Amino acid sequence: MTRSRSAFTLIELLVVIAIVAVLIGLLLPAVQKVREAAARTQCQNNLKQMSLAAQNFHDVYQHFPYGKSPPYPGAPIYARWSAHSQLLPYLEQGNVYNALDFTHPPNSGDMFSGGAG
């Protein structure tokens, strides 16, 4: 008597599941390394863009952006804004730069043009 098999046995199914689990276990660390490398590359690119923006700012104004100084009596308003805000036009963020109102301190509710803070 010959018996024809038309389905997997439970043991065969468990073996396949175990093999798939081992392969996934081997694949996950590789995927994590690729993600870390991509994040590192993106960070390096962002730093490069910031340095290029600072150099472009220097080419235009013949000085680097002012750093944010602590608030002191009589401090000019621009000294209260960080250098990053001054680099926005050189980081392709001209719309954000134009929306900022540099006549107000950065922590005020009126720091955006139109008073919407």
C-alpha atoms as a PDB file:
ATOM      1  CA  MET A   1       0.000   0.000   0.000  1.00  0.00           C
ATOM      2  CA  THR A   2       1.376   3.301  -1.027  1.00  0.00           C
ATOM      3  CA  ARG A   3       0.192   6.408   0.591  1.00  0.00           C
ATOM      4  CA  SER A   4       0.421   9.755  -1.201  1.00  0.00           C
ATOM      5  CA  ARG A   5       1.462  12.807   0.774  1.00  0.00           C
ATOM      6  CA  SER A   6      -0.288  16.041  -0.011  1.00  0.00           C
ATOM      7  CA  ALA A   7       0.750  18.235   2.939  1.00  0.00           C
ATOM      8  CA  PHE A   8       3.676  19.078   5.207  1.00  0.00           C
ATOM      9  CA  THR A   9       4.054  17.262   8.461  1.00  0.00           C
ATOM     10  CA  LEU A  10       4.249  19.180  11.705  1.00  0.00           C
ATOM     11  CA  ILE A  11       7.964  18.427  12.053  1.00  0.00           C
ATOM     12  CA  GLU A  12       8.713  19.771   8.582  1.00  0.00           C
ATOM     13  CA  LEU A  13       6.781  22.935   9.332  1.00  0.00           C
ATOM     14  CA  LEU A  14       8.648  23.467  12.615  1.00  0.00           C
ATOM     15  CA  VAL A  15      11.996  22.952  10.884  1.00  0.00           C
ATOM     16  CA  VAL A  16      11.128  25.560   8.256  1.00  0.00           C
ATOM     17  CA  ILE A  17      10.028  28.023  10.951  1.00  0.00           C
ATOM     18  CA  ALA A  18      13.274  27.425  12.867  1.00  0.00           C
ATOM     19  CA  ILE A  19      15.367  28.016   9.737  1.00  0.00           C
ATOM     20  CA  VAL A  20      13.497  31.242   8.982  1.00  0.00           C
ATOM     21  CA  ALA A  21      13.981  32.400  12.579  1.00  0.00           C
ATOM     22  CA  VAL A  22      17.732  31.745  12.398  1.00  0.00           C
ATOM     23  CA  LEU A  23      17.994  33.633   9.111  1.00  0.00           C
ATOM     24  CA  ILE A  24      16.108  36.604  10.554  1.00  0.00           C
ATOM     25  CA  GLY A  25      18.359  36.517  13.608  1.00  0.00           C
ATOM     26  CA  LEU A  26      21.402  36.710  11.346  1.00  0.00           C
ATOM     27  CA  LEU A  27      19.915  39.456   9.201  1.00  0.00           C
ATOM     28  CA  LEU A  28      18.867  41.900  11.946  1.00  0.00           C
ATOM     29  CA  PRO A  29      22.393  42.909  13.074  1.00  0.00           C
ATOM     30  CA  ALA A  30      23.342  43.596   9.464  1.00  0.00           C
ATOM     31  CA  VAL A  31      20.286  45.803   9.012  1.00  0.00           C
ATOM     32  CA  GLN A  32      21.132  47.699  12.209  1.00  0.00           C
ATOM     33  CA  LYS A  33      24.691  48.307  10.987  1.00  0.00           C
ATOM     34  CA  VAL A  34      23.377  49.678   7.710  1.00  0.00           C
ATOM     35  CA  ARG A  35      20.986  51.993   9.557  1.00  0.00           C
ATOM     36  CA  GLU A  36      23.781  53.242  11.807  1.00  0.00           C
ATOM     37  CA  ALA A  37      26.009  53.872   8.805  1.00  0.00           C
ATOM     38  CA  ALA A  38      23.212  55.783   7.076  1.00  0.00           C
ATOM     39  CA  ALA A  39      22.605  57.904  10.180  1.00  0.00           C
ATOM     40  CA  ARG A  40      26.337  58.608  10.493  1.00  0.00           C
ATOM     41  CA  THR A  41      26.528  59.636   6.830  1.00  0.00           C
ATOM     42  CA  GLN A  42      23.513  61.905   7.211  1.00  0.00           C
ATOM     43  CA  CYS A  43      25.062  63.544  10.277  1.00  0.00           C
ATOM     44  CA  GLN A  44      28.336  64.114   8.432  1.00  0.00           C
ATOM     45  CA  ASN A  45      26.439  65.639   5.530  1.00  0.00           C
ATOM     46  CA  ASN A  46      24.533  67.958   7.875  1.00  0.00           C
ATOM     47  CA  LEU A  47      27.791  69.124   9.459  1.00  0.00           C
ATOM     48  CA  LYS A  48      29.273  69.732   6.024  1.00  0.00           C
ATOM     49  CA  GLN A  49      26.226  71.783   5.017  1.00  0.00           C
ATOM     50  CA  MET A  50      26.524  73.856   8.207  1.00  0.00           C
ATOM     51  CA  SER A  51      30.197  74.563   7.536  1.00  0.00           C
ATOM     52  CA  LEU A  52      29.470  75.517   3.925  1.00  0.00           C
ATOM     53  CA  ALA A  53      26.685  77.811   5.104  1.00  0.00           C
ATOM     54  CA  ALA A  54      29.066  79.486   7.562  1.00  0.00           C
ATOM     55  CA  GLN A  55      31.645  79.962   4.815  1.00  0.00           C
ATOM     56  CA  ASN A  56      29.022  81.429   2.476  1.00  0.00           C
ATOM     57  CA  PHE A  57      27.894  83.782   5.250  1.00  0.00           C
ATOM     58  CA  HIS A  58      31.515  84.826   5.715  1.00  0.00           C
ATOM     59  CA  ASP A  59      31.928  85.431   1.986  1.00  0.00           C
ATOM     60  CA  VAL A  60      28.951  87.792   2.015  1.00  0.00           C
ATOM     61  CA  TYR A  61      29.509  89.669   5.305  1.00  0.00           C
ATOM     62  CA  GLN A  62      33.280  89.263   5.793  1.00  0.00           C
ATOM     63  CA  HIS A  63      32.721  87.810   9.270  1.00  0.00           C
ATOM     64  CA  PHE A  64      31.187  84.694  10.723  1.00  0.00           C
ATOM     65  CA  PRO A  65      27.741  84.807  12.328  1.00  0.00           C
ATOM     66  CA  TYR A  66      27.501  86.266  15.779  1.00  0.00           C
ATOM     67  CA  GLY A  67      27.207  83.712  18.511  1.00  0.00           C
ATOM     68  CA  LYS A  68      24.379  83.863  20.971  1.00  0.00           C
ATOM     69  CA  SER A  69      25.459  85.889  23.936  1.00  0.00           C
ATOM     70  CA  PRO A  70      23.782  85.818  27.318  1.00  0.00           C
ATOM     71  CA  PRO A  71      21.191  88.526  27.786  1.00  0.00           C
ATOM     72  CA  TYR A  72      22.756  91.556  29.365  1.00  0.00           C
ATOM     73  CA  PRO A  73      21.444  95.087  29.707  1.00  0.00           C
ATOM     74  CA  GLY A  74      21.762  96.905  26.412  1.00  0.00           C
ATOM     75  CA  ALA A  75      22.589  93.792  24.395  1.00  0.00           C
ATOM     76  CA  PRO A  76      21.709  94.202  20.743  1.00  0.00           C
ATOM     77  CA  ILE A  77      18.804  92.029  19.664  1.00  0.00           C
ATOM     78  CA  TYR A  78      20.857  90.127  17.072  1.00  0.00           C
ATOM     79  CA  ALA A  79      23.248  89.039  19.813  1.00  0.00           C
ATOM     80  CA  ARG A  80      20.403  87.145  21.447  1.00  0.00           C
ATOM     81  CA  TRP A  81      19.772  84.994  18.378  1.00  0.00           C
ATOM     82  CA  SER A  82      21.978  81.986  17.719  1.00  0.00           C
ATOM     83  CA  ALA A  83      24.325  81.756  14.773  1.00  0.00           C
ATOM     84  CA  HIS A  84      22.089  79.045  13.363  1.00  0.00           C
ATOM     85  CA  SER A  85      19.292  81.535  12.813  1.00  0.00           C
ATOM     86  CA  GLN A  86      21.657  83.713  10.796  1.00  0.00           C
ATOM     87  CA  LEU A  87      22.670  80.743   8.639  1.00  0.00           C
ATOM     88  CA  LEU A  88      19.116  79.800   7.640  1.00  0.00           C
ATOM     89  CA  PRO A  89      19.226  81.494   4.211  1.00  0.00           C
ATOM     90  CA  TYR A  90      22.391  79.557   3.394  1.00  0.00           C
ATOM     91  CA  LEU A  91      20.787  76.270   4.425  1.00  0.00           C
ATOM     92  CA  GLU A  92      17.920  76.615   1.954  1.00  0.00           C
ATOM     93  CA  GLN A  93      15.644  77.801   4.757  1.00  0.00           C
ATOM     94  CA  GLY A  94      15.054  81.315   3.487  1.00  0.00           C
ATOM     95  CA  ASN A  95      11.324  81.131   4.190  1.00  0.00           C
ATOM     96  CA  VAL A  96      11.951  80.409   7.861  1.00  0.00           C
ATOM     97  CA  TYR A  97      14.534  83.193   8.008  1.00  0.00           C
ATOM     98  CA  ASN A  98      12.105  85.649   6.416  1.00  0.00           C
ATOM     99  CA  ALA A  99       9.392  84.623   8.875  1.00  0.00           C
ATOM    100  CA  LEU A 100      11.586  85.463  11.873  1.00  0.00           C
ATOM    101  CA  ASP A 101      11.405  88.958  13.307  1.00  0.00           C
ATOM    102  CA  PHE A 102      14.902  89.787  14.501  1.00  0.00           C
ATOM    103  CA  THR A 103      13.726  92.986  16.184  1.00  0.00           C
ATOM    104  CA  HIS A 104      12.319  90.873  19.034  1.00  0.00           C
ATOM    105  CA  PRO A 105      14.256  88.585  21.361  1.00  0.00           C
ATOM    106  CA  PRO A 106      14.092  84.911  20.391  1.00  0.00           C
ATOM    107  CA  ASN A 107      12.137  83.888  23.493  1.00  0.00           C
ATOM    108  CA  SER A 108       9.389  86.438  23.023  1.00  0.00           C
ATOM    109  CA  GLY A 109       6.007  85.541  21.633  1.00  0.00           C
ATOM    110  CA  ASP A 110       6.568  87.977  18.757  1.00  0.00           C
ATOM    111  CA  MET A 111       9.598  86.302  17.231  1.00  0.00           C
ATOM    112  CA  PHE A 112       7.748  85.480  14.015  1.00  0.00           C
ATOM    113  CA  SER A 113       6.675  88.206  11.645  1.00  0.00           C
ATOM    114  CA  GLY A 114       3.059  89.028  12.198  1.00  0.00           C
ATOM    115  CA  GLY A 115       3.243  88.287  15.920  1.00  0.00           C
ATOM    116  CA  ALA A 116       2.182  84.642  15.617  1.00  0.00           C
ATOM    117  CA  GLY A 117       4.404  82.967  18.174  1.00  0.00           C
END
